[in-house]
PDB file of N, CA and C in Angstrom:
ATOM      1  N   MET A   1     179.278  62.239-188.493  1.00  0.00           N
ATOM      2  CA  MET A   1     178.153  61.744-187.707  1.00  0.00           C
ATOM      3  C   MET A   1     178.510  60.457-186.992  1.00  0.00           C
ATOM      4  N   GLU A   2     179.349  59.612-187.600  1.00  0.00           N
ATOM      5  CA  GLU A   2     179.708  58.372-186.941  1.00  0.00           C
ATOM      6  C   GLU A   2     180.496  58.616-185.665  1.00  0.00           C
ATOM      7  N   GLU A   3     181.194  59.771-185.564  1.00  0.00           N
ATOM      8  CA  GLU A   3     181.940  60.093-184.355  1.00  0.00           C
ATOM      9  C   GLU A   3     181.004  60.161-183.174  1.00  0.00           C
ATOM     10  N   ILE A   4     179.795  60.706-183.370  1.00  0.00           N
ATOM     11  CA  ILE A   4     178.810  60.803-182.305  1.00  0.00           C
ATOM     12  C   ILE A   4     178.417  59.401-181.835  1.00  0.00           C
ATOM     13  N   LEU A   5     178.137  58.506-182.741  1.00  0.00           N
ATOM     14  CA  LEU A   5     177.694  57.171-182.373  1.00  0.00           C
ATOM     15  C   LEU A   5     178.807  56.351-181.713  1.00  0.00           C
ATOM     16  N   GLU A   6     180.053  56.663-182.018  1.00  0.00           N
ATOM     17  CA  GLU A   6     181.169  55.894-181.463  1.00  0.00           C
ATOM     18  C   GLU A   6     181.279  56.030-179.961  1.00  0.00           C
ATOM     19  N   ILE A   7     180.793  57.119-179.368  1.00  0.00           N
ATOM     20  CA  ILE A   7     180.901  57.272-177.918  1.00  0.00           C
ATOM     21  C   ILE A   7     179.835  56.491-177.178  1.00  0.00           C
ATOM     22  N   TYR A   8     178.841  55.960-177.909  1.00  0.00           N
ATOM     23  CA  TYR A   8     177.770  55.207-177.308  1.00  0.00           C
ATOM     24  C   TYR A   8     177.993  53.720-177.517  1.00  0.00           C
ATOM     25  N   LYS A   9     178.240  53.017-176.419  1.00  0.00           N
ATOM     26  CA  LYS A   9     178.421  51.569-176.491  1.00  0.00           C
ATOM     27  C   LYS A   9     177.601  50.964-175.378  1.00  0.00           C
ATOM     28  N   THR A  10     176.857  49.926-175.743  1.00  0.00           N
ATOM     29  CA  THR A  10     176.017  49.243-174.752  1.00  0.00           C
ATOM     30  C   THR A  10     176.862  48.763-173.588  1.00  0.00           C
ATOM     31  N   THR A  11     176.330  48.927-172.388  1.00  0.00           N
ATOM     32  CA  THR A  11     176.977  48.452-171.170  1.00  0.00           C
ATOM     33  C   THR A  11     176.016  47.481-170.492  1.00  0.00           C
ATOM     34  N   THR A  12     176.519  46.296-170.161  1.00  0.00           N
ATOM     35  CA  THR A  12     175.729  45.354-169.382  1.00  0.00           C
ATOM     36  C   THR A  12     175.983  45.572-167.912  1.00  0.00           C
ATOM     37  N   THR A  13     175.112  45.014-167.079  1.00  0.00           N
ATOM     38  CA  THR A  13     175.282  45.166-165.639  1.00  0.00           C
ATOM     39  C   THR A  13     176.635  44.610-165.179  1.00  0.00           C
ATOM     40  N   GLU A  14     177.078  43.521-165.793  1.00  0.00           N
ATOM     41  CA  GLU A  14     178.362  42.911-165.423  1.00  0.00           C
ATOM     42  C   GLU A  14     179.545  43.815-165.752  1.00  0.00           C
ATOM     43  N   GLU A  15     179.408  44.699-166.731  1.00  0.00           N
ATOM     44  CA  GLU A  15     180.503  45.571-167.158  1.00  0.00           C
ATOM     45  C   GLU A  15     180.561  46.893-166.390  1.00  0.00           C
ATOM     46  N   VAL A  16     179.545  47.212-165.592  1.00  0.00           N
ATOM     47  CA  VAL A  16     179.462  48.502-164.919  1.00  0.00           C
ATOM     48  C   VAL A  16     180.640  48.696-163.972  1.00  0.00           C
ATOM     49  N   THR A  17     181.297  49.823-164.117  1.00  0.00           N
ATOM     50  CA  THR A  17     182.355  50.235-163.183  1.00  0.00           C
ATOM     51  C   THR A  17     181.964  51.508-162.437  1.00  0.00           C
ATOM     52  N   VAL A  18     180.989  52.250-162.981  1.00  0.00           N
ATOM     53  CA  VAL A  18     180.542  53.496-162.391  1.00  0.00           C
ATOM     54  C   VAL A  18     179.000  53.520-162.421  1.00  0.00           C
ATOM     55  N   TRP A  19     178.398  53.721-161.263  1.00  0.00           N
ATOM     56  CA  TRP A  19     176.963  53.978-161.196  1.00  0.00           C
ATOM     57  C   TRP A  19     176.794  55.483-161.016  1.00  0.00           C
ATOM     58  N   PHE A  20     176.299  56.147-162.062  1.00  0.00           N
ATOM     59  CA  PHE A  20     176.141  57.585-162.071  1.00  0.00           C
ATOM     60  C   PHE A  20     174.757  57.939-161.510  1.00  0.00           C
ATOM     61  N   LYS A  21     174.760  58.822-160.500  1.00  0.00           N
ATOM     62  CA  LYS A  21     173.480  59.271-159.920  1.00  0.00           C
ATOM     63  C   LYS A  21     172.833  60.256-160.908  1.00  0.00           C
ATOM     64  N   ALA A  22     171.782  59.803-161.541  1.00  0.00           N
ATOM     65  CA  ALA A  22     171.152  60.608-162.596  1.00  0.00           C
ATOM     66  C   ALA A  22     170.241  61.693-162.042  1.00  0.00           C
ATOM     67  N   ALA A  23     169.346  61.324-161.129  1.00  0.00           N
ATOM     68  CA  ALA A  23     168.380  62.257-160.549  1.00  0.00           C
ATOM     69  C   ALA A  23     167.503  61.515-159.580  1.00  0.00           C
ATOM     70  N   LYS A  24     166.574  62.230-158.997  1.00  0.00           N
ATOM     71  CA  LYS A  24     165.581  61.601-158.110  1.00  0.00           C
ATOM     72  C   LYS A  24     164.498  60.924-158.974  1.00  0.00           C
ATOM     73  N   ILE A  25     163.916  59.876-158.435  1.00  0.00           N
ATOM     74  CA  ILE A  25     162.840  59.185-159.136  1.00  0.00           C
ATOM     75  C   ILE A  25     161.738  60.151-159.550  1.00  0.00           C
ATOM     76  N   SER A  26     161.414  61.067-158.670  1.00  0.00           N
ATOM     77  CA  SER A  26     160.320  62.001-158.947  1.00  0.00           C
ATOM     78  C   SER A  26     160.633  63.002-160.058  1.00  0.00           C
ATOM     79  N   ASP A  27     161.899  63.073-160.494  1.00  0.00           N
ATOM     80  CA  ASP A  27     162.280  63.974-161.591  1.00  0.00           C
ATOM     81  C   ASP A  27     161.919  63.395-162.978  1.00  0.00           C
ATOM     82  N   PHE A  28     161.556  62.139-163.010  1.00  0.00           N
ATOM     83  CA  PHE A  28     161.249  61.500-164.287  1.00  0.00           C
ATOM     84  C   PHE A  28     159.752  61.328-164.444  1.00  0.00           C
ATOM     85  N   PRO A  29     159.233  61.631-165.643  1.00  0.00           N
ATOM     86  CA  PRO A  29     157.791  61.443-165.861  1.00  0.00           C
ATOM     87  C   PRO A  29     157.417  59.966-165.860  1.00  0.00           C
ATOM     88  N   LYS A  30     156.233  59.667-165.339  1.00  0.00           N
ATOM     89  CA  LYS A  30     155.747  58.293-165.380  1.00  0.00           C
ATOM     90  C   LYS A  30     155.415  57.916-166.813  1.00  0.00           C
ATOM     91  N   ASN A  31     155.888  56.722-167.225  1.00  0.00           N
ATOM     92  CA  ASN A  31     155.663  56.229-168.589  1.00  0.00           C
ATOM     93  C   ASN A  31     156.212  57.167-169.640  1.00  0.00           C
ATOM     94  N   GLY A  32     157.344  57.777-169.319  1.00  0.00           N
ATOM     95  CA  GLY A  32     158.006  58.669-170.252  1.00  0.00           C
ATOM     96  C   GLY A  32     159.487  58.750-169.955  1.00  0.00           C
ATOM     97  N   GLY A  33     160.158  59.649-170.650  1.00  0.00           N
ATOM     98  CA  GLY A  33     161.602  59.755-170.500  1.00  0.00           C
ATOM     99  C   GLY A  33     162.088  61.151-170.250  1.00  0.00           C
ATOM    100  N   ALA A  34     163.356  61.220-169.898  1.00  0.00           N
ATOM    101  CA  ALA A  34     164.050  62.489-169.713  1.00  0.00           C
ATOM    102  C   ALA A  34     165.495  62.274-170.070  1.00  0.00           C
ATOM    103  N   CYS A  35     166.166  63.343-170.414  1.00  0.00           N
ATOM    104  CA  CYS A  35     167.563  63.257-170.839  1.00  0.00           C
ATOM    105  C   CYS A  35     168.506  63.682-169.678  1.00  0.00           C
ATOM    106  N   ILE A  36     169.569  62.916-169.516  1.00  0.00           N
ATOM    107  CA  ILE A  36     170.615  63.275-168.565  1.00  0.00           C
ATOM    108  C   ILE A  36     171.925  63.381-169.373  1.00  0.00           C
ATOM    109  N   LYS A  37     172.907  63.992-168.755  1.00  0.00           N
ATOM    110  CA  LYS A  37     174.228  64.077-169.402  1.00  0.00           C
ATOM    111  C   LYS A  37     175.257  63.400-168.522  1.00  0.00           C
ATOM    112  N   TYR A  38     176.015  62.503-169.109  1.00  0.00           N
ATOM    113  CA  TYR A  38     177.136  61.849-168.428  1.00  0.00           C
ATOM    114  C   TYR A  38     178.359  62.038-169.289  1.00  0.00           C
ATOM    115  N   LYS A  39     179.275  62.853-168.811  1.00  0.00           N
ATOM    116  CA  LYS A  39     180.478  63.227-169.579  1.00  0.00           C
ATOM    117  C   LYS A  39     180.017  63.776-170.925  1.00  0.00           C
ATOM    118  N   GLU A  40     180.456  63.197-172.046  1.00  0.00           N
ATOM    119  CA  GLU A  40     180.076  63.728-173.364  1.00  0.00           C
ATOM    120  C   GLU A  40     178.812  63.063-173.929  1.00  0.00           C
ATOM    121  N   LYS A  41     178.181  62.210-173.142  1.00  0.00           N
ATOM    122  CA  LYS A  41     177.035  61.464-173.618  1.00  0.00           C
ATOM    123  C   LYS A  41     175.715  62.075-173.146  1.00  0.00           C
ATOM    124  N   GLN A  42     174.734  62.092-174.061  1.00  0.00           N
ATOM    125  CA  GLN A  42     173.357  62.378-173.673  1.00  0.00           C
ATOM    126  C   GLN A  42     172.641  61.022-173.583  1.00  0.00           C
ATOM    127  N   ILE A  43     172.028  60.781-172.437  1.00  0.00           N
ATOM    128  CA  ILE A  43     171.388  59.493-172.164  1.00  0.00           C
ATOM    129  C   ILE A  43     169.898  59.715-171.888  1.00  0.00           C
ATOM    130  N   ALA A  44     169.081  58.937-172.563  1.00  0.00           N
ATOM    131  CA  ALA A  44     167.638  58.957-172.320  1.00  0.00           C
ATOM    132  C   ALA A  44     167.313  57.937-171.240  1.00  0.00           C
ATOM    133  N   VAL A  45     166.630  58.361-170.211  1.00  0.00           N
ATOM    134  CA  VAL A  45     166.232  57.485-169.108  1.00  0.00           C
ATOM    135  C   VAL A  45     164.707  57.425-169.059  1.00  0.00           C
ATOM    136  N   PHE A  46     164.184  56.202-168.976  1.00  0.00           N
ATOM    137  CA  PHE A  46     162.727  56.001-169.043  1.00  0.00           C
ATOM    138  C   PHE A  46     162.197  55.325-167.791  1.00  0.00           C
ATOM    139  N   ASN A  47     161.122  55.905-167.259  1.00  0.00           N
ATOM    140  CA  ASN A  47     160.371  55.319-166.165  1.00  0.00           C
ATOM    141  C   ASN A  47     159.170  54.629-166.821  1.00  0.00           C
ATOM    142  N   PHE A  48     159.304  53.363-167.110  1.00  0.00           N
ATOM    143  CA  PHE A  48     158.243  52.584-167.757  1.00  0.00           C
ATOM    144  C   PHE A  48     157.370  52.029-166.656  1.00  0.00           C
ATOM    145  N   GLU A  49     156.610  52.917-166.012  1.00  0.00           N
ATOM    146  CA  GLU A  49     155.844  52.572-164.803  1.00  0.00           C
ATOM    147  C   GLU A  49     154.836  51.446-165.046  1.00  0.00           C
ATOM    148  N   ARG A  50     154.211  51.438-166.186  1.00  0.00           N
ATOM    149  CA  ARG A  50     153.176  50.414-166.404  1.00  0.00           C
ATOM    150  C   ARG A  50     153.764  49.011-166.451  1.00  0.00           C
ATOM    151  N   LYS A  51     155.096  48.884-166.623  1.00  0.00           N
ATOM    152  CA  LYS A  51     155.768  47.584-166.544  1.00  0.00           C
ATOM    153  C   LYS A  51     156.633  47.482-165.287  1.00  0.00           C
ATOM    154  N   ASN A  52     156.612  48.543-164.485  1.00  0.00           N
ATOM    155  CA  ASN A  52     157.429  48.620-163.263  1.00  0.00           C
ATOM    156  C   ASN A  52     158.912  48.395-163.593  1.00  0.00           C
ATOM    157  N   MET A  53     159.411  49.026-164.651  1.00  0.00           N
ATOM    158  CA  MET A  53     160.794  48.885-165.097  1.00  0.00           C
ATOM    159  C   MET A  53     161.378  50.252-165.462  1.00  0.00           C
ATOM    160  N   TRP A  54     162.695  50.330-165.404  1.00  0.00           N
ATOM    161  CA  TRP A  54     163.445  51.536-165.802  1.00  0.00           C
ATOM    162  C   TRP A  54     164.435  51.125-166.889  1.00  0.00           C
ATOM    163  N   TYR A  55     164.654  52.002-167.850  1.00  0.00           N
ATOM    164  CA  TYR A  55     165.569  51.734-168.960  1.00  0.00           C
ATOM    165  C   TYR A  55     166.384  52.987-169.259  1.00  0.00           C
ATOM    166  N   ALA A  56     167.537  52.781-169.869  1.00  0.00           N
ATOM    167  CA  ALA A  56     168.361  53.904-170.337  1.00  0.00           C
ATOM    168  C   ALA A  56     168.996  53.528-171.674  1.00  0.00           C
ATOM    169  N   CYS A  57     169.088  54.510-172.549  1.00  0.00           N
ATOM    170  CA  CYS A  57     169.692  54.289-173.862  1.00  0.00           C
ATOM    171  C   CYS A  57     170.330  55.615-174.330  1.00  0.00           C
ATOM    172  N   GLN A  58     171.052  55.544-175.411  1.00  0.00           N
ATOM    173  CA  GLN A  58     171.573  56.781-176.004  1.00  0.00           C
ATOM    174  C   GLN A  58     170.407  57.665-176.383  1.00  0.00           C
ATOM    175  N   ASN A  59     170.599  58.967-176.320  1.00  0.00           N
ATOM    176  CA  ASN A  59     169.519  59.902-176.678  1.00  0.00           C
ATOM    177  C   ASN A  59     169.487  60.194-178.178  1.00  0.00           C
ATOM    178  N   VAL A  60     170.593  59.927-178.866  1.00  0.00           N
ATOM    179  CA  VAL A  60     170.651  60.248-180.304  1.00  0.00           C
ATOM    180  C   VAL A  60     170.006  59.111-181.112  1.00  0.00           C
ATOM    181  N   CYS A  61     169.086  59.497-181.992  1.00  0.00           N
ATOM    182  CA  CYS A  61     168.467  58.548-182.913  1.00  0.00           C
ATOM    183  C   CYS A  61     169.416  58.374-184.107  1.00  0.00           C
ATOM    184  N   PRO A  62     169.827  57.175-184.428  1.00  0.00           N
ATOM    185  CA  PRO A  62     170.784  56.978-185.532  1.00  0.00           C
ATOM    186  C   PRO A  62     170.206  57.249-186.909  1.00  0.00           C
ATOM    187  N   HIS A  63     168.903  57.422-187.018  1.00  0.00           N
ATOM    188  CA  HIS A  63     168.289  57.658-188.327  1.00  0.00           C
ATOM    189  C   HIS A  63     168.690  59.019-188.894  1.00  0.00           C
ATOM    190  N   LYS A  64     168.485  60.087-188.135  1.00  0.00           N
ATOM    191  CA  LYS A  64     168.802  61.445-188.614  1.00  0.00           C
ATOM    192  C   LYS A  64     169.775  62.170-187.670  1.00  0.00           C
ATOM    193  N   MET A  65     170.330  61.394-186.680  1.00  0.00           N
ATOM    194  CA  MET A  65     171.319  61.940-185.750  1.00  0.00           C
ATOM    195  C   MET A  65     170.787  63.096-184.919  1.00  0.00           C
ATOM    196  N   GLU A  66     169.538  62.987-184.502  1.00  0.00           N
ATOM    197  CA  GLU A  66     168.915  64.016-183.664  1.00  0.00           C
ATOM    198  C   GLU A  66     168.887  63.497-182.205  1.00  0.00           C
ATOM    199  N   MET A  67     169.110  64.388-181.250  1.00  0.00           N
ATOM    200  CA  MET A  67     169.056  64.040-179.826  1.00  0.00           C
ATOM    201  C   MET A  67     167.616  64.142-179.327  1.00  0.00           C
ATOM    202  N   VAL A  68     166.826  63.097-179.615  1.00  0.00           N
ATOM    203  CA  VAL A  68     165.383  63.168-179.368  1.00  0.00           C
ATOM    204  C   VAL A  68     164.745  61.954-178.702  1.00  0.00           C
ATOM    205  N   LEU A  69     165.487  60.874-178.526  1.00  0.00           N
ATOM    206  CA  LEU A  69     164.853  59.644-178.037  1.00  0.00           C
ATOM    207  C   LEU A  69     164.209  59.806-176.663  1.00  0.00           C
ATOM    208  N   SER A  70     164.746  60.689-175.819  1.00  0.00           N
ATOM    209  CA  SER A  70     164.160  60.874-174.500  1.00  0.00           C
ATOM    210  C   SER A  70     162.754  61.447-174.587  1.00  0.00           C
ATOM    211  N   ARG A  71     162.410  62.042-175.714  1.00  0.00           N
ATOM    212  CA  ARG A  71     161.071  62.603-175.890  1.00  0.00           C
ATOM    213  C   ARG A  71     160.162  61.669-176.703  1.00  0.00           C
ATOM    214  N   GLY A  72     160.668  60.473-176.978  1.00  0.00           N
ATOM    215  CA  GLY A  72     159.878  59.512-177.742  1.00  0.00           C
ATOM    216  C   GLY A  72     158.782  58.868-176.929  1.00  0.00           C
ATOM    217  N   MET A  73     157.982  58.042-177.590  1.00  0.00           N
ATOM    218  CA  MET A  73     156.871  57.377-176.974  1.00  0.00           C
ATOM    219  C   MET A  73     157.275  55.957-176.607  1.00  0.00           C
ATOM    220  N   THR A  74     157.048  55.604-175.323  1.00  0.00           N
ATOM    221  CA  THR A  74     157.333  54.230-174.916  1.00  0.00           C
ATOM    222  C   THR A  74     156.151  53.364-175.286  1.00  0.00           C
ATOM    223  N   GLY A  75     156.436  52.097-175.497  1.00  0.00           N
ATOM    224  CA  GLY A  75     155.406  51.173-175.854  1.00  0.00           C
ATOM    225  C   GLY A  75     155.872  49.745-175.735  1.00  0.00           C
ATOM    226  N   ASP A  76     155.175  48.837-176.408  1.00  0.00           N
ATOM    227  CA  ASP A  76     155.482  47.415-176.337  1.00  0.00           C
ATOM    228  C   ASP A  76     155.382  46.838-177.756  1.00  0.00           C
ATOM    229  N   HIS A  77     156.354  46.031-178.119  1.00  0.00           N
ATOM    230  CA  HIS A  77     156.367  45.345-179.416  1.00  0.00           C
ATOM    231  C   HIS A  77     156.486  43.867-179.154  1.00  0.00           C
ATOM    232  N   GLN A  78     155.394  43.131-179.186  1.00  0.00           N
ATOM    233  CA  GLN A  78     155.363  41.695-178.954  1.00  0.00           C
ATOM    234  C   GLN A  78     156.057  41.324-177.646  1.00  0.00           C
ATOM    235  N   GLY A  79     155.758  42.087-176.584  1.00  0.00           N
ATOM    236  CA  GLY A  79     156.317  41.815-175.278  1.00  0.00           C
ATOM    237  C   GLY A  79     157.641  42.503-174.972  1.00  0.00           C
ATOM    238  N   THR A  80     158.201  43.175-175.975  1.00  0.00           N
ATOM    239  CA  THR A  80     159.475  43.879-175.785  1.00  0.00           C
ATOM    240  C   THR A  80     159.211  45.363-175.578  1.00  0.00           C
ATOM    241  N   PRO A  81     159.700  45.931-174.449  1.00  0.00           N
ATOM    242  CA  PRO A  81     159.537  47.361-174.258  1.00  0.00           C
ATOM    243  C   PRO A  81     160.322  48.116-175.320  1.00  0.00           C
ATOM    244  N   LYS A  82     159.729  49.211-175.830  1.00  0.00           N
ATOM    245  CA  LYS A  82     160.379  49.906-176.937  1.00  0.00           C
ATOM    246  C   LYS A  82     160.246  51.416-176.769  1.00  0.00           C
ATOM    247  N   ILE A  83     161.071  52.123-177.527  1.00  0.00           N
ATOM    248  CA  ILE A  83     160.984  53.571-177.646  1.00  0.00           C
ATOM    249  C   ILE A  83     160.836  53.894-179.116  1.00  0.00           C
ATOM    250  N   ALA A  84     159.943  54.799-179.432  1.00  0.00           N
ATOM    251  CA  ALA A  84     159.756  55.260-180.827  1.00  0.00           C
ATOM    252  C   ALA A  84     160.290  56.684-180.946  1.00  0.00           C
ATOM    253  N   CYS A  85     161.148  56.913-181.923  1.00  0.00           N
ATOM    254  CA  CYS A  85     161.678  58.252-182.151  1.00  0.00           C
ATOM    255  C   CYS A  85     160.505  59.189-182.441  1.00  0.00           C
ATOM    256  N   PRO A  86     160.464  60.350-181.772  1.00  0.00           N
ATOM    257  CA  PRO A  86     159.326  61.254-181.981  1.00  0.00           C
ATOM    258  C   PRO A  86     159.328  61.917-183.369  1.00  0.00           C
ATOM    259  N   MET A  87     160.426  61.852-184.084  1.00  0.00           N
ATOM    260  CA  MET A  87     160.490  62.524-185.387  1.00  0.00           C
ATOM    261  C   MET A  87     160.074  61.635-186.550  1.00  0.00           C
ATOM    262  N   HIS A  88     160.598  60.409-186.597  1.00  0.00           N
ATOM    263  CA  HIS A  88     160.344  59.571-187.760  1.00  0.00           C
ATOM    264  C   HIS A  88     159.827  58.181-187.395  1.00  0.00           C
ATOM    265  N   LYS A  89     159.501  57.989-186.138  1.00  0.00           N
ATOM    266  CA  LYS A  89     158.862  56.759-185.635  1.00  0.00           C
ATOM    267  C   LYS A  89     159.698  55.506-185.780  1.00  0.00           C
ATOM    268  N   LYS A  90     161.006  55.611-185.903  1.00  0.00           N
ATOM    269  CA  LYS A  90     161.865  54.431-185.845  1.00  0.00           C
ATOM    270  C   LYS A  90     161.806  53.899-184.417  1.00  0.00           C
ATOM    271  N   THR A  91     161.670  52.583-184.268  1.00  0.00           N
ATOM    272  CA  THR A  91     161.507  52.031-182.928  1.00  0.00           C
ATOM    273  C   THR A  91     162.684  51.126-182.565  1.00  0.00           C
ATOM    274  N   PHE A  92     163.007  51.137-181.265  1.00  0.00           N
ATOM    275  CA  PHE A  92     164.149  50.397-180.754  1.00  0.00           C
ATOM    276  C   PHE A  92     163.782  49.704-179.440  1.00  0.00           C
ATOM    277  N   SER A  93     164.317  48.505-179.256  1.00  0.00           N
ATOM    278  CA  SER A  93     164.116  47.764-178.015  1.00  0.00           C
ATOM    279  C   SER A  93     164.842  48.501-176.881  1.00  0.00           C
ATOM    280  N   LEU A  94     164.139  48.668-175.762  1.00  0.00           N
ATOM    281  CA  LEU A  94     164.784  49.272-174.584  1.00  0.00           C
ATOM    282  C   LEU A  94     165.596  48.235-173.813  1.00  0.00           C
ATOM    283  N   GLU A  95     165.438  46.965-174.156  1.00  0.00           N
ATOM    284  CA  GLU A  95     166.187  45.881-173.497  1.00  0.00           C
ATOM    285  C   GLU A  95     167.576  45.713-174.105  1.00  0.00           C
ATOM    286  N   ASN A  96     167.650  45.724-175.445  1.00  0.00           N
ATOM    287  CA  ASN A  96     168.943  45.467-176.081  1.00  0.00           C
ATOM    288  C   ASN A  96     169.287  46.444-177.209  1.00  0.00           C
ATOM    289  N   GLY A  97     168.456  47.424-177.438  1.00  0.00           N
ATOM    290  CA  GLY A  97     168.751  48.451-178.448  1.00  0.00           C
ATOM    291  C   GLY A  97     168.445  48.099-179.885  1.00  0.00           C
ATOM    292  N   LYS A  98     168.007  46.888-180.158  1.00  0.00           N
ATOM    293  CA  LYS A  98     167.744  46.430-181.512  1.00  0.00           C
ATOM    294  C   LYS A  98     166.692  47.282-182.200  1.00  0.00           C
ATOM    295  N   ASN A  99     166.960  47.647-183.477  1.00  0.00           N
ATOM    296  CA  ASN A  99     165.972  48.355-184.290  1.00  0.00           C
ATOM    297  C   ASN A  99     164.854  47.381-184.601  1.00  0.00           C
ATOM    298  N   LEU A 100     163.592  47.773-184.284  1.00  0.00           N
ATOM    299  CA  LEU A 100     162.464  46.876-184.415  1.00  0.00           C
ATOM    300  C   LEU A 100     161.668  47.055-185.699  1.00  0.00           C
ATOM    301  N   ASN A 101     161.945  48.105-186.489  1.00  0.00           N
ATOM    302  CA  ASN A 101     161.170  48.301-187.719  1.00  0.00           C
ATOM    303  C   ASN A 101     162.030  48.817-188.856  1.00  0.00           C
ATOM    304  N   GLY A 102     163.147  48.175-189.047  1.00  0.00           N
ATOM    305  CA  GLY A 102     163.992  48.573-190.166  1.00  0.00           C
ATOM    306  C   GLY A 102     165.373  47.961-190.048  1.00  0.00           C
ATOM    307  N   ASP A 103     166.295  48.558-190.773  1.00  0.00           N
ATOM    308  CA  ASP A 103     167.641  48.010-190.791  1.00  0.00           C
ATOM    309  C   ASP A 103     168.693  48.927-190.197  1.00  0.00           C
ATOM    310  N   LEU A 104     168.266  49.874-189.351  1.00  0.00           N
ATOM    311  CA  LEU A 104     169.220  50.724-188.676  1.00  0.00           C
ATOM    312  C   LEU A 104     170.028  49.920-187.659  1.00  0.00           C
ATOM    313  N   ALA A 105     171.214  50.399-187.377  1.00  0.00           N
ATOM    314  CA  ALA A 105     172.042  49.783-186.353  1.00  0.00           C
ATOM    315  C   ALA A 105     171.344  49.894-185.003  1.00  0.00           C
ATOM    316  N   PRO A 106     171.639  49.010-184.056  1.00  0.00           N
ATOM    317  CA  PRO A 106     171.019  49.133-182.741  1.00  0.00           C
ATOM    318  C   PRO A 106     171.539  50.364-181.996  1.00  0.00           C
ATOM    319  N   ILE A 107     170.776  50.791-181.010  1.00  0.00           N
ATOM    320  CA  ILE A 107     171.214  51.884-180.140  1.00  0.00           C
ATOM    321  C   ILE A 107     171.876  51.285-178.899  1.00  0.00           C
ATOM    322  N   ALA A 108     172.684  52.079-178.240  1.00  0.00           N
ATOM    323  CA  ALA A 108     173.324  51.644-176.988  1.00  0.00           C
ATOM    324  C   ALA A 108     172.328  51.672-175.854  1.00  0.00           C
ATOM    325  N   THR A 109     172.386  50.691-174.975  1.00  0.00           N
ATOM    326  CA  THR A 109     171.544  50.642-173.789  1.00  0.00           C
ATOM    327  C   THR A 109     172.411  50.543-172.565  1.00  0.00           C
ATOM    328  N   TYR A 110     171.870  50.941-171.417  1.00  0.00           N
ATOM    329  CA  TYR A 110     172.629  50.985-170.181  1.00  0.00           C
ATOM    330  C   TYR A 110     171.767  50.451-169.039  1.00  0.00           C
ATOM    331  N   PRO A 111     172.361  49.783-168.050  1.00  0.00           N
ATOM    332  CA  PRO A 111     171.569  49.338-166.908  1.00  0.00           C
ATOM    333  C   PRO A 111     171.157  50.495-166.011  1.00  0.00           C
ATOM    334  N   VAL A 112     170.043  50.327-165.351  1.00  0.00           N
ATOM    335  CA  VAL A 112     169.497  51.324-164.424  1.00  0.00           C
ATOM    336  C   VAL A 112     169.209  50.627-163.113  1.00  0.00           C
ATOM    337  N   LYS A 113     169.517  51.302-162.010  1.00  0.00           N
ATOM    338  CA  LYS A 113     169.118  50.802-160.711  1.00  0.00           C
ATOM    339  C   LYS A 113     168.548  51.942-159.876  1.00  0.00           C
ATOM    340  N   LEU A 114     167.681  51.552-158.938  1.00  0.00           N
ATOM    341  CA  LEU A 114     167.084  52.516-158.024  1.00  0.00           C
ATOM    342  C   LEU A 114     167.629  52.221-156.633  1.00  0.00           C
ATOM    343  N   GLU A 115     168.045  53.263-155.949  1.00  0.00           N
ATOM    344  CA  GLU A 115     168.448  53.157-154.552  1.00  0.00           C
ATOM    345  C   GLU A 115     167.817  54.305-153.779  1.00  0.00           C
ATOM    346  N   GLY A 116     166.981  53.977-152.816  1.00  0.00           N
ATOM    347  CA  GLY A 116     166.259  55.008-152.097  1.00  0.00           C
ATOM    348  C   GLY A 116     165.378  55.787-153.064  1.00  0.00           C
ATOM    349  N   ASP A 117     165.540  57.099-153.086  1.00  0.00           N
ATOM    350  CA  ASP A 117     164.764  57.968-153.992  1.00  0.00           C
ATOM    351  C   ASP A 117     165.502  58.301-155.265  1.00  0.00           C
ATOM    352  N   ASN A 118     166.639  57.661-155.517  1.00  0.00           N
ATOM    353  CA  ASN A 118     167.510  58.064-156.642  1.00  0.00           C
ATOM    354  C   ASN A 118     167.587  57.015-157.751  1.00  0.00           C
ATOM    355  N   VAL A 119     167.831  57.508-158.969  1.00  0.00           N
ATOM    356  CA  VAL A 119     167.996  56.689-160.149  1.00  0.00           C
ATOM    357  C   VAL A 119     169.469  56.740-160.536  1.00  0.00           C
ATOM    358  N   TYR A 120     170.070  55.566-160.781  1.00  0.00           N
ATOM    359  CA  TYR A 120     171.470  55.473-161.171  1.00  0.00           C
ATOM    360  C   TYR A 120     171.539  54.779-162.528  1.00  0.00           C
ATOM    361  N   VAL A 121     172.451  55.249-163.373  1.00  0.00           N
ATOM    362  CA  VAL A 121     172.704  54.622-164.674  1.00  0.00           C
ATOM    363  C   VAL A 121     174.142  54.095-164.671  1.00  0.00           C
ATOM    364  N   GLY A 122     174.310  52.855-165.167  1.00  0.00           N
ATOM    365  CA  GLY A 122     175.614  52.219-165.119  1.00  0.00           C
ATOM    366  C   GLY A 122     176.409  52.401-166.394  1.00  0.00           C
ATOM    367  N   PHE A 123     177.699  52.707-166.217  1.00  0.00           N
ATOM    368  CA  PHE A 123     178.623  52.891-167.341  1.00  0.00           C
ATOM    369  C   PHE A 123     179.900  52.081-167.115  1.00  0.00           C
ATOM    370  N   ALA A 124     180.546  51.678-168.187  1.00  0.00           N
ATOM    371  CA  ALA A 124     181.839  51.000-168.129  1.00  0.00           C
ATOM    372  C   ALA A 124     182.900  52.047-168.481  1.00  0.00           C
ATOM    373  N   GLU A 125     183.815  52.257-167.590  1.00  0.00           N
ATOM    374  CA  GLU A 125     184.873  53.256-167.808  1.00  0.00           C
ATOM    375  C   GLU A 125     186.055  52.591-168.473  1.00  0.00           C
TER     376      GLU A 125
END
């Protein structure tokens, strides 16, 4: 199971070498997420419309190693945008991946940018 998590590493905007065109803005639900695939990675992308922000993180929840975070519920934890795993309600910061309600390792996060009608997710090659 650790092999799966090893392919997910947080990328900051400064580290981006590839901006991957994920989909059109209209392909993502408002205040929800959808899953995209980049190489061997499943990435959850969130249109957090009520905060006018976009976020991306690994789709695999480290709790039970299920590819489900894109179907989780977005919310707010003391001002921090978060995603809650739909299976066991483990919550993670969408800003830095930190586990907000336990001792699980953080999840990987990725920068998102909008250009025209398209959503791009940044990766370090």
